[in-house]
Amino acid sequence: MIKAVFFDLDDTLLWDKKSVKEAFVATCTYASQKHNVDVEKLEEAVREKARELYSSYETYEFTQMIGINPFEGLWGNFLDDDDNFRKMKDIVPAYRKEAWIQGLKELGIDDEAFGAELAERFPLERRKHPFVYEESFRTLDKLKENYRLLLLTNGSPDLQNTKLEITPEIAPYFDEIIISGAFGRGKPDPTIFEHALEKMGLEKDDAIMVGDNLMTDILGASRIGMKSVWINRENKERNEVTPTYEITHLEELYPLLEELNK
């Protein structure tokens, strides 16, 4: 009997990829007004430099474990009370600047002051563009009638809470919100799933995990023998991780849960 549904946040309920994309488009369009740059090429160059720089810092292993990607580093403040987050907080101002300065240089523009300006602009644009999938609230409304809901998200508490603050409708749906950076380990580590079940007073067969990422949401659930639903909106290829169910739209959860609870 399924009593609770556990949801991932980014790219499951919140359309994080689109928010990041729109922030890049807005920032790079602004850049193109001063320097005659190709908007898409600048975005590509900055993304590339951001990935390179991000993986060069001593915090990289930690960010991998907690689940914080390079583009979150371009706008998050990491004001969390933890040594690793304190290191990140110290690193990110220079990281942002470097990513934009080097991205511009890649296109033949040597303008450090402008790179620094773009680095400040991007976080403002990202906060302005919180996208949610059109079915997210309908799905949560419907499920809330019969199930307890838990949000299980990887990331920095400061940053994930910022995302929830700029989309204030989401948090009230959930009985519990668990953020990997506060727990100390991220999905797919089995301990964070066990912690989530414990918080809800449930056994693994009482809950189901819904998420977009095979390597975190689905792998983690399978490691503790919990049922999982992979939301695959982009028709991605499967890998060696097998979800219990696969859907392309969140509202496909209704019949699936009904079937399970017959």
Protein backbone atom coordinates (compact mmCIF):
# COMPACT_ATOMS: atom_id res chain seq x y z
CA MET A 1 0.00 0.00 0.00
CA ILE A 2 1.54 3.32 -1.06
CA LYS A 3 0.94 5.95 1.60
CA ALA A 4 3.45 8.60 0.55
CA VAL A 5 5.00 10.01 -2.59
CA PHE A 6 8.56 11.36 -2.44
CA PHE A 7 9.38 13.99 -5.05
CA ASP A 8 12.64 15.34 -6.39
CA LEU A 9 12.59 19.13 -6.94
CA ASP A 10 14.82 20.25 -9.85
CA ASP A 11 13.56 19.24 -13.29
CA THR A 12 10.82 17.15 -11.69
CA LEU A 13 8.56 19.86 -10.23
CA LEU A 14 10.66 22.97 -10.91
CA TRP A 15 11.87 23.41 -14.49
CA ASP A 16 15.39 24.33 -13.41
CA LYS A 17 17.04 23.76 -16.80
CA LYS A 18 14.69 26.29 -18.39
CA SER A 19 15.31 28.82 -15.60
CA VAL A 20 19.07 28.54 -16.11
CA LYS A 21 18.67 28.72 -19.90
CA GLU A 22 16.54 31.90 -19.69
CA ALA A 23 19.03 33.51 -17.30
CA PHE A 24 21.83 32.76 -19.76
CA VAL A 25 19.83 34.12 -22.69
CA ALA A 26 18.99 37.36 -20.81
CA THR A 27 22.59 37.87 -19.60
CA CYS A 28 24.20 37.04 -22.94
CA THR A 29 21.70 39.24 -24.81
CA TYR A 30 22.68 42.10 -22.52
CA ALA A 31 26.36 41.34 -23.30
CA SER A 32 25.65 41.40 -27.04
CA GLN A 33 24.40 44.97 -26.75
CA LYS A 34 27.79 46.16 -25.56
CA HIS A 35 30.06 43.81 -27.50
CA ASN A 36 28.91 42.39 -30.78
CA VAL A 37 28.85 38.75 -29.61
CA ASP A 38 26.74 35.82 -30.69
CA VAL A 39 24.36 35.15 -27.79
CA GLU A 40 24.43 31.36 -28.16
CA LYS A 41 28.18 31.17 -28.59
CA LEU A 42 28.77 33.21 -25.44
CA GLU A 43 26.41 30.98 -23.45
CA GLU A 44 28.22 27.89 -24.73
CA ALA A 45 31.63 29.37 -23.89
CA VAL A 46 30.62 30.39 -20.36
CA ARG A 47 29.01 27.01 -19.66
CA GLU A 48 32.18 25.28 -20.85
CA LYS A 49 34.48 27.49 -18.75
CA ALA A 50 32.17 27.13 -15.73
CA ARG A 51 32.38 23.32 -15.94
CA GLU A 52 36.18 23.39 -16.26
CA LEU A 53 36.70 25.80 -13.37
CA TYR A 54 34.14 24.10 -11.14
CA SER A 55 35.84 20.73 -11.42
CA SER A 56 39.23 22.28 -10.56
CA TYR A 57 38.29 23.42 -7.02
CA GLU A 58 38.92 21.43 -3.86
CA THR A 59 35.17 21.54 -3.19
CA TYR A 60 34.37 19.56 -6.36
CA GLU A 61 34.14 16.15 -4.69
CA PHE A 62 31.83 17.57 -2.04
CA THR A 63 29.59 19.21 -4.65
CA GLN A 64 29.40 15.88 -6.49
CA MET A 65 28.36 14.06 -3.31
CA ILE A 66 25.74 16.66 -2.30
CA GLY A 67 24.57 17.20 -5.87
CA ILE A 68 25.34 20.83 -6.77
CA ASN A 69 26.04 21.53 -10.43
CA PRO A 70 28.34 24.20 -11.94
CA PHE A 71 25.44 26.45 -12.98
CA GLU A 72 24.09 26.54 -9.43
CA GLY A 73 27.54 27.77 -8.49
CA LEU A 74 27.00 30.68 -10.87
CA TRP A 75 24.10 32.05 -8.80
CA GLY A 76 24.00 30.40 -5.36
CA ASN A 77 25.43 32.11 -2.27
CA PHE A 78 25.98 29.00 -0.10
CA LEU A 79 25.37 30.76 3.21
CA ASP A 80 25.19 27.40 4.99
CA ASP A 81 26.74 26.56 8.31
CA ASP A 82 29.21 23.91 7.24
CA ASP A 83 32.93 23.98 6.45
CA ASN A 84 32.49 22.80 2.87
CA PHE A 85 29.77 25.36 2.17
CA ARG A 86 31.91 28.06 3.77
CA LYS A 87 34.68 27.12 1.33
CA MET A 88 32.20 27.33 -1.54
CA LYS A 89 30.98 30.71 -0.34
CA ASP A 90 34.60 31.93 -0.50
CA ILE A 91 35.23 30.38 -3.92
CA VAL A 92 32.08 31.39 -5.83
CA PRO A 93 32.65 35.15 -6.29
CA ALA A 94 35.94 34.55 -8.13
CA TYR A 95 34.51 31.47 -9.89
CA ARG A 96 31.61 33.45 -11.35
CA LYS A 97 33.81 36.28 -12.51
CA GLU A 98 36.36 33.91 -14.07
CA ALA A 99 33.67 31.91 -15.90
CA TRP A 100 32.30 35.05 -17.56
CA ILE A 101 35.70 36.70 -18.18
CA GLN A 102 37.08 33.52 -19.77
CA GLY A 103 33.86 32.97 -21.72
CA LEU A 104 34.22 36.46 -23.24
CA LYS A 105 37.92 35.84 -23.95
CA GLU A 106 37.00 32.68 -25.82
CA LEU A 107 35.10 34.95 -28.24
CA GLY A 108 38.01 37.38 -28.52
CA ILE A 109 36.78 39.95 -25.97
CA ASP A 110 39.18 40.95 -23.23
CA ASP A 111 37.05 42.99 -20.81
CA GLU A 112 37.45 41.95 -17.18
CA ALA A 113 35.25 44.69 -15.75
CA PHE A 114 32.39 43.68 -18.05
CA GLY A 115 32.92 39.99 -17.23
CA ALA A 116 32.55 40.91 -13.54
CA GLU A 117 29.35 42.84 -14.34
CA LEU A 118 27.86 39.84 -16.18
CA ALA A 119 28.79 37.60 -13.24
CA GLU A 120 26.64 39.83 -11.00
CA ARG A 121 23.85 40.06 -13.52
CA PHE A 122 23.34 36.33 -14.05
CA PRO A 123 22.15 35.58 -10.46
CA LEU A 124 19.60 38.42 -10.71
CA GLU A 125 18.29 37.02 -13.99
CA ARG A 126 18.12 33.49 -12.54
CA ARG A 127 16.01 34.70 -9.60
CA LYS A 128 13.65 36.46 -12.02
CA HIS A 129 12.92 33.27 -13.95
CA PRO A 130 11.49 30.55 -11.72
CA PHE A 131 9.77 28.11 -14.07
CA VAL A 132 7.48 25.32 -12.88
CA TYR A 133 6.13 22.55 -15.11
CA GLU A 134 2.54 23.30 -16.05
CA GLU A 135 1.25 20.10 -14.41
CA SER A 136 3.19 20.35 -11.12
CA PHE A 137 0.57 22.12 -9.01
CA ARG A 138 -2.36 20.15 -10.45
CA THR A 139 -0.53 16.93 -9.63
CA LEU A 140 0.36 18.01 -6.11
CA ASP A 141 -3.23 19.19 -5.48
CA LYS A 142 -4.63 15.86 -6.55
CA LEU A 143 -2.09 13.67 -4.72
CA LYS A 144 -2.33 15.69 -1.51
CA GLU A 145 -5.92 14.43 -1.13
CA ASN A 146 -4.82 10.81 -0.61
CA TYR A 147 -1.09 10.72 0.04
CA ARG A 148 1.50 12.25 2.31
CA LEU A 149 4.15 14.11 0.34
CA LEU A 150 7.88 14.51 0.95
CA LEU A 151 10.37 16.62 -1.00
CA LEU A 152 13.82 15.03 -1.33
CA THR A 153 16.26 17.36 -3.07
CA ASN A 154 20.01 17.44 -3.60
CA GLY A 155 21.80 20.73 -3.06
CA SER A 156 22.78 23.49 -0.69
CA PRO A 157 20.04 24.31 1.85
CA ASP A 158 20.57 28.02 1.21
CA LEU A 159 20.15 27.60 -2.56
CA GLN A 160 17.30 25.07 -2.50
CA ASN A 161 15.42 27.24 0.01
CA THR A 162 15.98 30.23 -2.29
CA LYS A 163 14.34 28.24 -5.11
CA LEU A 164 11.42 27.46 -2.80
CA GLU A 165 11.15 31.12 -1.73
CA ILE A 166 10.90 32.35 -5.32
CA THR A 167 8.24 29.69 -5.98
CA PRO A 168 6.39 29.95 -2.65
CA GLU A 169 3.46 27.76 -3.69
CA ILE A 170 5.51 24.55 -3.59
CA ALA A 171 6.67 24.10 0.01
CA PRO A 172 3.19 24.04 1.69
CA TYR A 173 2.30 20.81 -0.14
CA PHE A 174 4.98 18.83 1.69
CA ASP A 175 4.89 17.14 5.09
CA GLU A 176 8.69 17.05 5.10
CA ILE A 177 11.43 18.71 3.04
CA ILE A 178 14.85 17.06 3.08
CA ILE A 179 17.84 18.78 1.48
CA SER A 180 21.01 16.76 0.97
CA GLY A 181 23.34 19.56 2.11
CA ALA A 182 21.60 19.67 5.49
CA PHE A 183 21.62 15.89 5.84
CA GLY A 184 25.28 15.53 4.85
CA ARG A 185 24.92 13.11 1.96
CA GLY A 186 23.06 13.34 -1.35
CA LYS A 187 21.03 11.01 -3.53
CA PRO A 188 21.82 8.24 -4.57
CA ASP A 189 23.29 7.52 -1.12
CA PRO A 190 20.87 5.04 0.48
CA THR A 191 21.11 6.73 3.90
CA ILE A 192 19.22 9.84 2.75
CA PHE A 193 16.34 7.66 1.54
CA GLU A 194 16.33 5.75 4.84
CA HIS A 195 16.32 9.09 6.66
CA ALA A 196 13.33 10.24 4.59
CA LEU A 197 11.35 7.09 5.43
CA GLU A 198 12.25 7.48 9.10
CA LYS A 199 11.07 11.11 9.09
CA MET A 200 7.70 9.96 7.77
CA GLY A 201 7.51 6.88 10.02
CA LEU A 202 7.22 4.61 6.97
CA GLU A 203 8.65 1.37 5.59
CA LYS A 204 10.19 1.21 2.09
CA ASP A 205 7.04 -0.42 0.66
CA ASP A 206 4.85 2.45 1.90
CA ALA A 207 6.42 5.08 -0.36
CA ILE A 208 7.42 5.67 -3.96
CA MET A 209 10.13 8.02 -5.30
CA VAL A 210 9.46 10.26 -8.31
CA GLY A 211 12.38 11.96 -10.06
CA ASP A 212 13.97 12.86 -13.39
CA ASN A 213 17.48 11.57 -12.69
CA LEU A 214 18.30 7.88 -13.09
CA MET A 215 21.68 8.23 -11.35
CA THR A 216 20.36 9.95 -8.20
CA ASP A 217 16.60 9.60 -7.66
CA ILE A 218 16.09 6.18 -9.21
CA LEU A 219 19.40 4.56 -8.26
CA GLY A 220 19.05 5.72 -4.65
CA ALA A 221 15.51 4.38 -4.30
CA SER A 222 16.49 1.05 -5.84
CA ARG A 223 19.40 0.72 -3.40
CA ILE A 224 16.96 0.45 -0.50
CA GLY A 225 14.40 -1.60 -2.43
CA MET A 226 11.93 1.26 -2.76
CA LYS A 227 9.69 1.60 -5.83
CA SER A 228 10.57 4.44 -8.20
CA VAL A 229 9.02 6.42 -11.04
CA TRP A 230 11.29 7.97 -13.63
CA ILE A 231 9.78 11.11 -15.17
CA ASN A 232 11.35 11.10 -18.61
CA ARG A 233 9.99 14.19 -20.39
CA GLU A 234 12.85 14.44 -22.88
CA ASN A 235 12.78 10.89 -24.19
CA LYS A 236 16.22 10.14 -22.75
CA GLU A 237 17.89 6.78 -23.24
CA ARG A 238 17.88 4.42 -20.28
CA ASN A 239 21.18 3.27 -18.81
CA GLU A 240 21.97 0.40 -16.45
CA VAL A 241 19.64 1.85 -13.78
CA THR A 242 16.11 0.51 -14.10
CA PRO A 243 13.16 2.41 -12.61
CA THR A 244 10.10 0.47 -11.47
CA TYR A 245 7.96 2.70 -13.72
CA GLU A 246 8.59 5.29 -16.41
CA ILE A 247 6.28 8.21 -17.28
CA THR A 248 6.50 11.29 -19.50
CA HIS A 249 4.03 13.51 -17.62
CA LEU A 250 3.40 13.82 -13.87
CA GLU A 251 -0.34 13.25 -14.22
CA GLU A 252 0.40 9.67 -15.30
CA LEU A 253 1.02 9.09 -11.59
CA TYR A 254 -2.72 8.96 -10.79
CA PRO A 255 -3.61 5.71 -12.57
CA LEU A 256 -0.28 4.19 -11.61
CA LEU A 257 -0.86 4.80 -7.88
CA GLU A 258 -4.46 3.65 -8.13
CA GLU A 259 -3.28 0.40 -9.70
CA LEU A 260 -0.67 -0.09 -6.97
CA ASN A 261 -3.22 0.45 -4.22
CA LYS A 262 -5.91 -1.87 -5.56
